[in-house]
Amino acid sequence: MHPDDSQAQTALRDDMKKRAEVLVNKFWPIIEELATTLLSKPCTPMPEKDTAVWGMGTVKRNMLGSEIVELFSRHNIRAVVVTDDVRDYDSTRESPHYDSLA
């Protein structure tokens, strides 16, 4: 973001790290619930076409978008499932906008 200013790069990196820590701490119970729910799902073989995209490994766990939306809704967080065919999704039209999480 500041290709020629190392001091600005460092300041920005530090600011982004602090903001990320605040968000993770604030939403840790939800993050943990999502992870626990996902880890409770059975492992299924990963299709060979996905290993090229997602890296090494032969198993995966899945949650449907509707399951994630429902989990977030229990915490009064509105989530939207956007299908793969949507190419110009504008998250700023959603309410609340992601920036309001801070």
C-alpha atoms as a PDB file:
ATOM      1  CA  MET A   1       0.000   0.000   0.000  1.00  0.00           C
ATOM      2  CA  HIS A   2       3.029   2.225   0.502  1.00  0.00           C
ATOM      3  CA  PRO A   3       5.596   0.667  -1.841  1.00  0.00           C
ATOM      4  CA  ASP A   4       8.293   3.296  -1.304  1.00  0.00           C
ATOM      5  CA  ASP A   5       7.807   4.151   2.365  1.00  0.00           C
ATOM      6  CA  SER A   6       8.994   1.434   4.765  1.00  0.00           C
ATOM      7  CA  GLN A   7       7.933   3.442   7.816  1.00  0.00           C
ATOM      8  CA  ALA A   8       4.384   3.748   6.456  1.00  0.00           C
ATOM      9  CA  GLN A   9       4.401   0.032   5.587  1.00  0.00           C
ATOM     10  CA  THR A  10       5.377  -0.853   9.146  1.00  0.00           C
ATOM     11  CA  ALA A  11       2.776   1.471  10.651  1.00  0.00           C
ATOM     12  CA  LEU A  12       0.066   0.076   8.394  1.00  0.00           C
ATOM     13  CA  ARG A  13       1.064  -3.524   9.127  1.00  0.00           C
ATOM     14  CA  ASP A  14       1.009  -2.824  12.886  1.00  0.00           C
ATOM     15  CA  ASP A  15      -2.389  -1.140  12.627  1.00  0.00           C
ATOM     16  CA  MET A  16      -3.861  -4.008  10.607  1.00  0.00           C
ATOM     17  CA  LYS A  17      -2.492  -6.542  13.090  1.00  0.00           C
ATOM     18  CA  LYS A  18      -4.053  -4.670  16.018  1.00  0.00           C
ATOM     19  CA  ARG A  19      -7.394  -4.412  14.225  1.00  0.00           C
ATOM     20  CA  ALA A  20      -7.325  -8.132  13.430  1.00  0.00           C
ATOM     21  CA  GLU A  21      -6.549  -8.981  17.061  1.00  0.00           C
ATOM     22  CA  VAL A  22      -9.477  -6.838  18.252  1.00  0.00           C
ATOM     23  CA  LEU A  23     -11.865  -8.542  15.831  1.00  0.00           C
ATOM     24  CA  VAL A  24     -10.662 -12.053  16.631  1.00  0.00           C
ATOM     25  CA  ASN A  25     -10.901 -11.405  20.379  1.00  0.00           C
ATOM     26  CA  LYS A  26     -14.345  -9.822  20.027  1.00  0.00           C
ATOM     27  CA  PHE A  27     -15.721 -12.678  17.944  1.00  0.00           C
ATOM     28  CA  TRP A  28     -13.706 -15.584  19.367  1.00  0.00           C
ATOM     29  CA  PRO A  29     -16.742 -17.490  20.738  1.00  0.00           C
ATOM     30  CA  ILE A  30     -18.331 -17.430  17.275  1.00  0.00           C
ATOM     31  CA  ILE A  31     -15.074 -18.423  15.561  1.00  0.00           C
ATOM     32  CA  GLU A  32     -14.704 -21.303  18.012  1.00  0.00           C
ATOM     33  CA  GLU A  33     -18.310 -22.433  17.492  1.00  0.00           C
ATOM     34  CA  LEU A  34     -17.867 -22.369  13.720  1.00  0.00           C
ATOM     35  CA  ALA A  35     -14.614 -24.350  13.951  1.00  0.00           C
ATOM     36  CA  THR A  36     -16.099 -26.887  16.368  1.00  0.00           C
ATOM     37  CA  THR A  37     -19.136 -27.358  14.147  1.00  0.00           C
ATOM     38  CA  LEU A  38     -16.974 -27.817  11.074  1.00  0.00           C
ATOM     39  CA  LEU A  39     -14.633 -30.247  12.833  1.00  0.00           C
ATOM     40  CA  SER A  40     -17.635 -32.310  13.960  1.00  0.00           C
ATOM     41  CA  LYS A  41     -18.535 -32.969  10.335  1.00  0.00           C
ATOM     42  CA  PRO A  42     -17.383 -36.237   8.780  1.00  0.00           C
ATOM     43  CA  CYS A  43     -14.353 -36.260   6.537  1.00  0.00           C
ATOM     44  CA  THR A  44     -15.046 -36.899   2.896  1.00  0.00           C
ATOM     45  CA  PRO A  45     -12.580 -37.526   0.084  1.00  0.00           C
ATOM     46  CA  MET A  46     -11.500 -34.340  -1.644  1.00  0.00           C
ATOM     47  CA  PRO A  47     -12.124 -34.455  -5.373  1.00  0.00           C
ATOM     48  CA  GLU A  48      -8.844 -34.470  -7.273  1.00  0.00           C
ATOM     49  CA  LYS A  49      -9.793 -31.230  -9.051  1.00  0.00           C
ATOM     50  CA  ASP A  50      -9.960 -29.473  -5.629  1.00  0.00           C
ATOM     51  CA  THR A  51      -6.496 -30.532  -4.490  1.00  0.00           C
ATOM     52  CA  ALA A  52      -4.942 -28.331  -7.173  1.00  0.00           C
ATOM     53  CA  VAL A  53      -6.893 -25.333  -5.857  1.00  0.00           C
ATOM     54  CA  TRP A  54      -6.832 -26.008  -2.114  1.00  0.00           C
ATOM     55  CA  GLY A  55      -3.457 -27.629  -1.751  1.00  0.00           C
ATOM     56  CA  MET A  56      -2.368 -30.986  -0.489  1.00  0.00           C
ATOM     57  CA  GLY A  57      -4.613 -33.367   1.353  1.00  0.00           C
ATOM     58  CA  THR A  58      -7.119 -36.051   0.646  1.00  0.00           C
ATOM     59  CA  VAL A  59     -10.005 -35.236   2.972  1.00  0.00           C
ATOM     60  CA  LYS A  60     -12.274 -32.291   3.572  1.00  0.00           C
ATOM     61  CA  ARG A  61     -15.147 -31.270   5.784  1.00  0.00           C
ATOM     62  CA  ASN A  62     -18.085 -29.305   4.474  1.00  0.00           C
ATOM     63  CA  MET A  63     -20.734 -27.007   5.837  1.00  0.00           C
ATOM     64  CA  LEU A  64     -23.550 -25.809   3.678  1.00  0.00           C
ATOM     65  CA  GLY A  65     -23.886 -22.076   3.248  1.00  0.00           C
ATOM     66  CA  SER A  66     -27.300 -22.299   4.890  1.00  0.00           C
ATOM     67  CA  GLU A  67     -25.706 -23.906   7.984  1.00  0.00           C
ATOM     68  CA  ILE A  68     -23.220 -21.057   8.251  1.00  0.00           C
ATOM     69  CA  VAL A  69     -25.952 -18.447   7.791  1.00  0.00           C
ATOM     70  CA  GLU A  70     -27.990 -20.135  10.536  1.00  0.00           C
ATOM     71  CA  LEU A  71     -24.987 -20.310  12.906  1.00  0.00           C
ATOM     72  CA  PHE A  72     -24.251 -16.617  12.412  1.00  0.00           C
ATOM     73  CA  SER A  73     -27.914 -15.686  12.764  1.00  0.00           C
ATOM     74  CA  ARG A  74     -27.904 -17.189  16.282  1.00  0.00           C
ATOM     75  CA  HIS A  75     -25.371 -14.456  17.078  1.00  0.00           C
ATOM     76  CA  ASN A  76     -27.348 -11.713  15.316  1.00  0.00           C
ATOM     77  CA  ILE A  77     -24.867 -11.603  12.443  1.00  0.00           C
ATOM     78  CA  ARG A  78     -26.404 -11.375   8.998  1.00  0.00           C
ATOM     79  CA  ALA A  79     -24.625 -13.591   6.488  1.00  0.00           C
ATOM     80  CA  VAL A  80     -25.275 -13.903   2.772  1.00  0.00           C
ATOM     81  CA  VAL A  81     -24.496 -16.880   0.573  1.00  0.00           C
ATOM     82  CA  VAL A  82     -23.167 -15.765  -2.798  1.00  0.00           C
ATOM     83  CA  THR A  83     -23.066 -18.445  -5.450  1.00  0.00           C
ATOM     84  CA  ASP A  84     -19.980 -19.110  -7.552  1.00  0.00           C
ATOM     85  CA  ASP A  85     -21.590 -17.663 -10.659  1.00  0.00           C
ATOM     86  CA  VAL A  86     -21.837 -14.160  -9.142  1.00  0.00           C
ATOM     87  CA  ARG A  87     -18.962 -12.102 -10.513  1.00  0.00           C
ATOM     88  CA  ASP A  88     -19.782  -8.563  -9.383  1.00  0.00           C
ATOM     89  CA  TYR A  89     -21.046  -8.901  -5.816  1.00  0.00           C
ATOM     90  CA  ASP A  90     -20.898  -5.598  -3.931  1.00  0.00           C
ATOM     91  CA  SER A  91     -20.637  -6.188  -0.174  1.00  0.00           C
ATOM     92  CA  THR A  92     -21.037  -2.465   0.517  1.00  0.00           C
ATOM     93  CA  ARG A  93     -24.731  -2.864  -0.279  1.00  0.00           C
ATOM     94  CA  GLU A  94     -25.135  -5.264   2.623  1.00  0.00           C
ATOM     95  CA  SER A  95     -26.108  -4.020   6.028  1.00  0.00           C
ATOM     96  CA  PRO A  96     -24.146  -3.878   8.185  1.00  0.00           C
ATOM     97  CA  HIS A  97     -21.137  -3.330   5.995  1.00  0.00           C
ATOM     98  CA  TYR A  98     -18.062  -5.343   7.028  1.00  0.00           C
ATOM     99  CA  ASP A  99     -16.318  -2.215   8.305  1.00  0.00           C
ATOM    100  CA  SER A 100     -18.950  -1.811  11.013  1.00  0.00           C
ATOM    101  CA  LEU A 101     -17.612  -4.907  12.803  1.00  0.00           C
ATOM    102  CA  ALA A 102     -14.724  -2.962  14.299  1.00  0.00           C
END
